[in-house]
Amino acid sequence: MTKQEIARINELARKAKTTGLTEEEKAEQKMLRGRYIAAIRANLRAQLDRIDVVEPDGSIRNLGEVYDPQGQGK
């Protein structure tokens, strides 16, 4: 997600509060928000995949595997 896309999301949000959006702008806003949420989820997945937890019994488990055991998010 680029800075320009985030700026456009914010611009559309401000416009929606003041003058309202056209149907094309609503569709663009929905698409941009979807891409933003997908980027956030991908970043969270990458963070979880890098975190290992040492259990009291000495075993190590990866948080990415704990929250997505079948690897469906990858």
C-alpha atoms as a PDB file:
ATOM      1  CA  MET A   1       0.000   0.000   0.000  1.00  0.00           C
ATOM      2  CA  THR A   2       1.558   3.267  -1.075  1.00  0.00           C
ATOM      3  CA  LYS A   3       1.441   6.617   0.689  1.00  0.00           C
ATOM      4  CA  GLN A   4      -0.588   7.978  -2.214  1.00  0.00           C
ATOM      5  CA  GLU A   5      -3.229   5.272  -1.735  1.00  0.00           C
ATOM      6  CA  ILE A   6      -3.455   5.977   1.987  1.00  0.00           C
ATOM      7  CA  ALA A   7      -3.713   9.698   1.266  1.00  0.00           C
ATOM      8  CA  ARG A   8      -6.537   8.954  -1.181  1.00  0.00           C
ATOM      9  CA  ILE A   9      -8.371   6.880   1.465  1.00  0.00           C
ATOM     10  CA  ASN A  10      -8.136   9.819   3.859  1.00  0.00           C
ATOM     11  CA  GLU A  11      -9.209  12.285   1.168  1.00  0.00           C
ATOM     12  CA  LEU A  12     -12.287  10.215   0.353  1.00  0.00           C
ATOM     13  CA  ALA A  13     -13.134   9.866   4.057  1.00  0.00           C
ATOM     14  CA  ARG A  14     -13.010  13.644   4.510  1.00  0.00           C
ATOM     15  CA  LYS A  15     -15.105  14.206   1.411  1.00  0.00           C
ATOM     16  CA  ALA A  16     -17.668  11.621   2.565  1.00  0.00           C
ATOM     17  CA  LYS A  17     -18.126  13.570   5.808  1.00  0.00           C
ATOM     18  CA  THR A  18     -18.534  16.941   4.106  1.00  0.00           C
ATOM     19  CA  THR A  19     -20.099  16.776   0.639  1.00  0.00           C
ATOM     20  CA  GLY A  20     -20.676  13.063   0.140  1.00  0.00           C
ATOM     21  CA  LEU A  21     -19.280  10.665  -2.436  1.00  0.00           C
ATOM     22  CA  THR A  22     -20.372   9.693  -5.915  1.00  0.00           C
ATOM     23  CA  GLU A  23     -21.007   6.020  -6.660  1.00  0.00           C
ATOM     24  CA  GLU A  24     -17.617   5.801  -8.401  1.00  0.00           C
ATOM     25  CA  GLU A  25     -15.881   7.303  -5.377  1.00  0.00           C
ATOM     26  CA  LYS A  26     -17.716   4.917  -3.049  1.00  0.00           C
ATOM     27  CA  ALA A  27     -16.510   1.989  -5.148  1.00  0.00           C
ATOM     28  CA  GLU A  28     -12.952   3.352  -5.146  1.00  0.00           C
ATOM     29  CA  GLN A  29     -13.104   3.842  -1.370  1.00  0.00           C
ATOM     30  CA  LYS A  30     -14.319   0.284  -0.847  1.00  0.00           C
ATOM     31  CA  MET A  31     -11.561  -1.120  -3.077  1.00  0.00           C
ATOM     32  CA  LEU A  32      -8.841   0.941  -1.348  1.00  0.00           C
ATOM     33  CA  ARG A  33     -10.072  -0.023   2.112  1.00  0.00           C
ATOM     34  CA  GLY A  34     -10.041  -3.687   1.106  1.00  0.00           C
ATOM     35  CA  ARG A  35      -6.456  -3.406  -0.103  1.00  0.00           C
ATOM     36  CA  TYR A  36      -5.499  -1.599   3.116  1.00  0.00           C
ATOM     37  CA  ILE A  37      -7.007  -4.336   5.298  1.00  0.00           C
ATOM     38  CA  ALA A  38      -5.278  -7.022   3.215  1.00  0.00           C
ATOM     39  CA  ALA A  39      -1.931  -5.242   3.709  1.00  0.00           C
ATOM     40  CA  ILE A  40      -2.479  -5.031   7.476  1.00  0.00           C
ATOM     41  CA  ARG A  41      -3.325  -8.744   7.638  1.00  0.00           C
ATOM     42  CA  ALA A  42      -0.240  -9.648   5.598  1.00  0.00           C
ATOM     43  CA  ASN A  43       1.963  -7.589   7.928  1.00  0.00           C
ATOM     44  CA  LEU A  44       0.453  -9.258  10.993  1.00  0.00           C
ATOM     45  CA  ARG A  45       0.935 -12.716   9.441  1.00  0.00           C
ATOM     46  CA  ALA A  46       4.601 -11.911   8.737  1.00  0.00           C
ATOM     47  CA  GLN A  47       5.103 -10.781  12.345  1.00  0.00           C
ATOM     48  CA  LEU A  48       3.463 -13.915  13.760  1.00  0.00           C
ATOM     49  CA  ASP A  49       5.589 -16.112  11.504  1.00  0.00           C
ATOM     50  CA  ARG A  50       8.744 -14.578  13.018  1.00  0.00           C
ATOM     51  CA  ILE A  51       7.741 -15.065  16.675  1.00  0.00           C
ATOM     52  CA  ASP A  52       8.650 -18.257  18.506  1.00  0.00           C
ATOM     53  CA  VAL A  53       7.449 -18.903  22.051  1.00  0.00           C
ATOM     54  CA  VAL A  54       9.382 -21.107  24.478  1.00  0.00           C
ATOM     55  CA  GLU A  55       6.906 -23.126  26.544  1.00  0.00           C
ATOM     56  CA  PRO A  56       7.540 -24.033  30.213  1.00  0.00           C
ATOM     57  CA  ASP A  57       8.394 -27.600  29.148  1.00  0.00           C
ATOM     58  CA  GLY A  58      11.154 -26.257  26.878  1.00  0.00           C
ATOM     59  CA  SER A  59       9.338 -26.833  23.602  1.00  0.00           C
ATOM     60  CA  ILE A  60       9.249 -24.063  21.035  1.00  0.00           C
ATOM     61  CA  ARG A  61       6.193 -23.186  18.992  1.00  0.00           C
ATOM     62  CA  ASN A  62       5.753 -20.631  16.262  1.00  0.00           C
ATOM     63  CA  LEU A  63       2.853 -18.211  16.714  1.00  0.00           C
ATOM     64  CA  GLY A  64       2.145 -18.255  12.984  1.00  0.00           C
ATOM     65  CA  GLU A  65       1.467 -21.980  13.215  1.00  0.00           C
ATOM     66  CA  VAL A  66      -0.597 -21.569  16.391  1.00  0.00           C
ATOM     67  CA  TYR A  67      -2.974 -19.041  14.805  1.00  0.00           C
ATOM     68  CA  ASP A  68      -3.071 -20.696  11.382  1.00  0.00           C
ATOM     69  CA  PRO A  69      -2.226 -24.395  11.859  1.00  0.00           C
ATOM     70  CA  GLN A  70      -3.164 -25.444   8.300  1.00  0.00           C
ATOM     71  CA  GLY A  71      -1.185 -22.589   6.727  1.00  0.00           C
ATOM     72  CA  GLN A  72      -4.294 -21.218   5.047  1.00  0.00           C
ATOM     73  CA  GLY A  73      -3.213 -17.593   5.513  1.00  0.00           C
ATOM     74  CA  LYS A  74      -0.026 -18.032   3.531  1.00  0.00           C
END
